[in-house]
């Protein structure tokens, strides 16, 4: 009887540990997904800012040129 109780206790503890690990893995995956989405958004913002900056730096060229006759 004591062996059956011990086996049941060990099984419940093992299941609890696996459940905790499963929850941790799911949480980490969600966090990684969120970080990747944020990274992609920031990269898009950076690309847009770089393009805006590039256009602003070259705007002087268009302003300083005389039109063709």
N, C-alpha and C. Protein backbone atom coordinates (compact mmCIF):
# COMPACT_ATOMS: atom_id res chain seq x y z
N UNK A 1 0.83 -1.19 0.00
CA UNK A 1 0.00 0.00 0.00
C UNK A 1 0.87 1.25 0.00
N UNK A 2 1.93 1.27 0.76
CA UNK A 2 2.81 2.42 0.82
C UNK A 2 3.50 2.63 -0.52
N UNK A 3 3.83 1.54 -1.21
CA UNK A 3 4.48 1.65 -2.51
C UNK A 3 3.53 2.29 -3.52
N UNK A 4 2.28 1.90 -3.52
CA UNK A 4 1.29 2.46 -4.44
C UNK A 4 1.11 3.95 -4.17
N UNK A 5 1.09 4.34 -2.92
CA UNK A 5 0.96 5.76 -2.56
C UNK A 5 2.18 6.53 -3.03
N UNK A 6 3.35 5.97 -2.84
CA UNK A 6 4.59 6.62 -3.28
C UNK A 6 4.61 6.75 -4.80
N UNK A 7 4.20 5.72 -5.51
CA UNK A 7 4.16 5.75 -6.97
C UNK A 7 3.19 6.84 -7.44
N UNK A 8 2.02 6.91 -6.82
CA UNK A 8 1.03 7.92 -7.16
C UNK A 8 1.58 9.34 -6.92
N UNK A 9 2.27 9.53 -5.80
CA UNK A 9 2.85 10.83 -5.46
C UNK A 9 3.92 11.22 -6.47
N UNK A 10 4.80 10.28 -6.80
CA UNK A 10 5.86 10.56 -7.76
C UNK A 10 5.26 10.88 -9.13
N UNK A 11 4.24 10.14 -9.54
CA UNK A 11 3.59 10.38 -10.82
C UNK A 11 2.97 11.78 -10.85
N UNK A 12 2.28 12.17 -9.79
CA UNK A 12 1.67 13.50 -9.74
C UNK A 12 2.73 14.60 -9.77
N UNK A 13 3.83 14.40 -9.07
CA UNK A 13 4.91 15.39 -9.09
C UNK A 13 5.52 15.51 -10.49
N UNK A 14 5.70 14.37 -11.14
CA UNK A 14 6.27 14.39 -12.49
C UNK A 14 5.32 15.09 -13.46
N UNK A 15 4.03 14.80 -13.34
CA UNK A 15 3.06 15.46 -14.21
C UNK A 15 3.04 16.96 -13.95
N UNK A 16 3.14 17.35 -12.70
CA UNK A 16 3.15 18.78 -12.36
C UNK A 16 4.38 19.45 -12.96
N UNK A 17 5.54 18.78 -12.88
CA UNK A 17 6.76 19.35 -13.46
C UNK A 17 6.65 19.48 -14.97
N UNK A 18 6.10 18.46 -15.62
CA UNK A 18 5.93 18.54 -17.08
C UNK A 18 4.95 19.65 -17.44
N UNK A 19 3.90 19.80 -16.66
CA UNK A 19 2.93 20.87 -16.92
C UNK A 19 3.59 22.23 -16.77
N UNK A 20 4.42 22.40 -15.75
CA UNK A 20 5.13 23.66 -15.54
C UNK A 20 6.07 23.93 -16.71
N UNK A 21 6.77 22.91 -17.16
CA UNK A 21 7.69 23.07 -18.27
C UNK A 21 6.92 23.42 -19.54
N UNK A 22 5.80 22.76 -19.78
CA UNK A 22 4.98 23.06 -20.95
C UNK A 22 4.51 24.51 -20.93
N UNK A 23 4.08 24.98 -19.75
CA UNK A 23 3.65 26.38 -19.64
C UNK A 23 4.82 27.33 -19.87
N UNK A 24 5.97 27.00 -19.33
CA UNK A 24 7.15 27.83 -19.52
C UNK A 24 7.55 27.89 -21.00
N UNK A 25 7.54 26.76 -21.66
CA UNK A 25 7.88 26.71 -23.08
C UNK A 25 6.89 27.55 -23.89
N UNK A 26 5.61 27.41 -23.61
CA UNK A 26 4.59 28.18 -24.33
C UNK A 26 4.77 29.67 -24.08
N UNK A 27 5.07 30.04 -22.86
CA UNK A 27 5.29 31.45 -22.53
C UNK A 27 6.52 31.99 -23.25
N UNK A 28 7.59 31.22 -23.27
CA UNK A 28 8.79 31.65 -23.96
C UNK A 28 8.57 31.79 -25.46
N UNK A 29 7.82 30.87 -26.04
CA UNK A 29 7.52 30.96 -27.47
C UNK A 29 6.72 32.21 -27.78
N UNK A 30 5.72 32.51 -26.93
CA UNK A 30 4.93 33.74 -27.12
C UNK A 30 5.82 34.97 -27.02
N UNK A 31 6.73 34.95 -26.05
CA UNK A 31 7.63 36.09 -25.86
C UNK A 31 8.55 36.26 -27.06
N UNK A 32 9.08 35.17 -27.56
CA UNK A 32 9.95 35.23 -28.74
C UNK A 32 9.16 35.75 -29.94
N UNK A 33 7.93 35.30 -30.11
CA UNK A 33 7.09 35.78 -31.21
C UNK A 33 6.87 37.29 -31.08
N UNK A 34 6.57 37.76 -29.87
CA UNK A 34 6.37 39.19 -29.65
C UNK A 34 7.65 39.98 -29.95
N UNK A 35 8.78 39.45 -29.52
CA UNK A 35 10.05 40.12 -29.79
C UNK A 35 10.34 40.19 -31.28
N UNK A 36 10.03 39.14 -32.01
CA UNK A 36 10.25 39.14 -33.45
C UNK A 36 9.35 40.15 -34.14
N UNK A 37 8.10 40.26 -33.70
CA UNK A 37 7.18 41.25 -34.27
C UNK A 37 7.70 42.66 -34.00
N UNK A 38 8.17 42.89 -32.78
CA UNK A 38 8.71 44.20 -32.44
C UNK A 38 9.97 44.49 -33.27
N UNK A 39 10.83 43.49 -33.43
CA UNK A 39 12.03 43.67 -34.24
C UNK A 39 11.67 44.05 -35.67
N UNK A 40 10.70 43.35 -36.25
CA UNK A 40 10.29 43.64 -37.62
C UNK A 40 9.70 45.04 -37.75
N UNK A 41 8.91 45.45 -36.74
CA UNK A 41 8.33 46.79 -36.76
C UNK A 41 9.43 47.84 -36.67
N UNK A 42 10.39 47.63 -35.78
CA UNK A 42 11.49 48.58 -35.63
C UNK A 42 12.36 48.64 -36.88
N UNK A 43 12.58 47.50 -37.52
CA UNK A 43 13.35 47.51 -38.77
C UNK A 43 12.63 48.30 -39.86
N UNK A 44 11.31 48.15 -39.92
CA UNK A 44 10.52 48.90 -40.90
C UNK A 44 10.60 50.40 -40.61
N UNK A 45 10.51 50.77 -39.34
CA UNK A 45 10.63 52.18 -38.97
C UNK A 45 12.02 52.71 -39.32
N UNK A 46 13.05 51.92 -39.06
CA UNK A 46 14.41 52.34 -39.38
C UNK A 46 14.59 52.53 -40.88
N UNK A 47 14.07 51.62 -41.67
CA UNK A 47 14.17 51.73 -43.12
C UNK A 47 13.46 53.00 -43.60
N UNK A 48 12.28 53.25 -43.05
CA UNK A 48 11.54 54.45 -43.43
C UNK A 48 12.30 55.72 -43.02
N UNK A 49 12.88 55.72 -41.83
CA UNK A 49 13.64 56.88 -41.37
C UNK A 49 14.89 57.09 -42.23
N UNK A 50 15.54 56.01 -42.61
CA UNK A 50 16.72 56.13 -43.47
C UNK A 50 16.34 56.69 -44.84
N UNK A 51 15.22 56.24 -45.37
CA UNK A 51 14.76 56.74 -46.67
C UNK A 51 14.41 58.22 -46.57
N UNK A 52 13.73 58.60 -45.52
CA UNK A 52 13.38 60.01 -45.31
C UNK A 52 14.64 60.86 -45.19
N UNK A 53 15.61 60.37 -44.45
CA UNK A 53 16.87 61.08 -44.27
C UNK A 53 17.61 61.21 -45.60
N UNK A 54 17.62 60.14 -46.37
CA UNK A 54 18.29 60.18 -47.67
C UNK A 54 17.64 61.20 -48.59
N UNK A 55 16.33 61.22 -48.59
CA UNK A 55 15.62 62.18 -49.44
C UNK A 55 15.86 63.61 -48.98
N UNK A 56 15.92 63.82 -47.67
CA UNK A 56 16.16 65.16 -47.13
C UNK A 56 17.57 65.63 -47.49
N UNK A 57 18.53 64.72 -47.50
CA UNK A 57 19.91 65.10 -47.84
C UNK A 57 20.05 65.44 -49.32
N UNK A 58 19.25 64.82 -50.16
CA UNK A 58 19.37 65.07 -51.60
C UNK A 58 18.43 66.16 -52.07
N UNK A 59 17.55 66.68 -51.20
CA UNK A 59 16.60 67.72 -51.61
C UNK A 59 17.32 69.00 -52.02
N UNK A 60 18.46 69.29 -51.42
CA UNK A 60 19.20 70.51 -51.77
C UNK A 60 19.61 70.49 -53.24
N UNK A 61 19.88 69.31 -53.76
CA UNK A 61 20.31 69.19 -55.15
C UNK A 61 19.20 69.67 -56.09
N UNK A 62 18.00 69.24 -55.83
CA UNK A 62 16.87 69.63 -56.69
C UNK A 62 16.58 71.12 -56.54
N UNK A 63 16.72 71.68 -55.37
CA UNK A 63 16.45 73.11 -55.15
C UNK A 63 17.52 73.97 -55.81
N UNK A 64 18.75 73.49 -55.87
CA UNK A 64 19.84 74.30 -56.38
C UNK A 64 20.02 74.24 -57.89
N UNK A 65 19.26 73.41 -58.57
CA UNK A 65 19.45 73.27 -60.01
C UNK A 65 18.54 74.24 -60.77
N UNK A 66 19.04 74.73 -61.86
CA UNK A 66 18.23 75.60 -62.71
C UNK A 66 17.43 74.73 -63.66
N UNK A 67 16.21 75.13 -63.96
CA UNK A 67 15.42 74.33 -64.89
C UNK A 67 16.00 74.39 -66.30
N UNK A 68 15.74 73.36 -67.06
CA UNK A 68 16.21 73.32 -68.45
C UNK A 68 15.41 74.31 -69.28
N UNK A 69 16.05 74.90 -70.29
CA UNK A 69 15.35 75.88 -71.15
C UNK A 69 14.91 75.23 -72.42
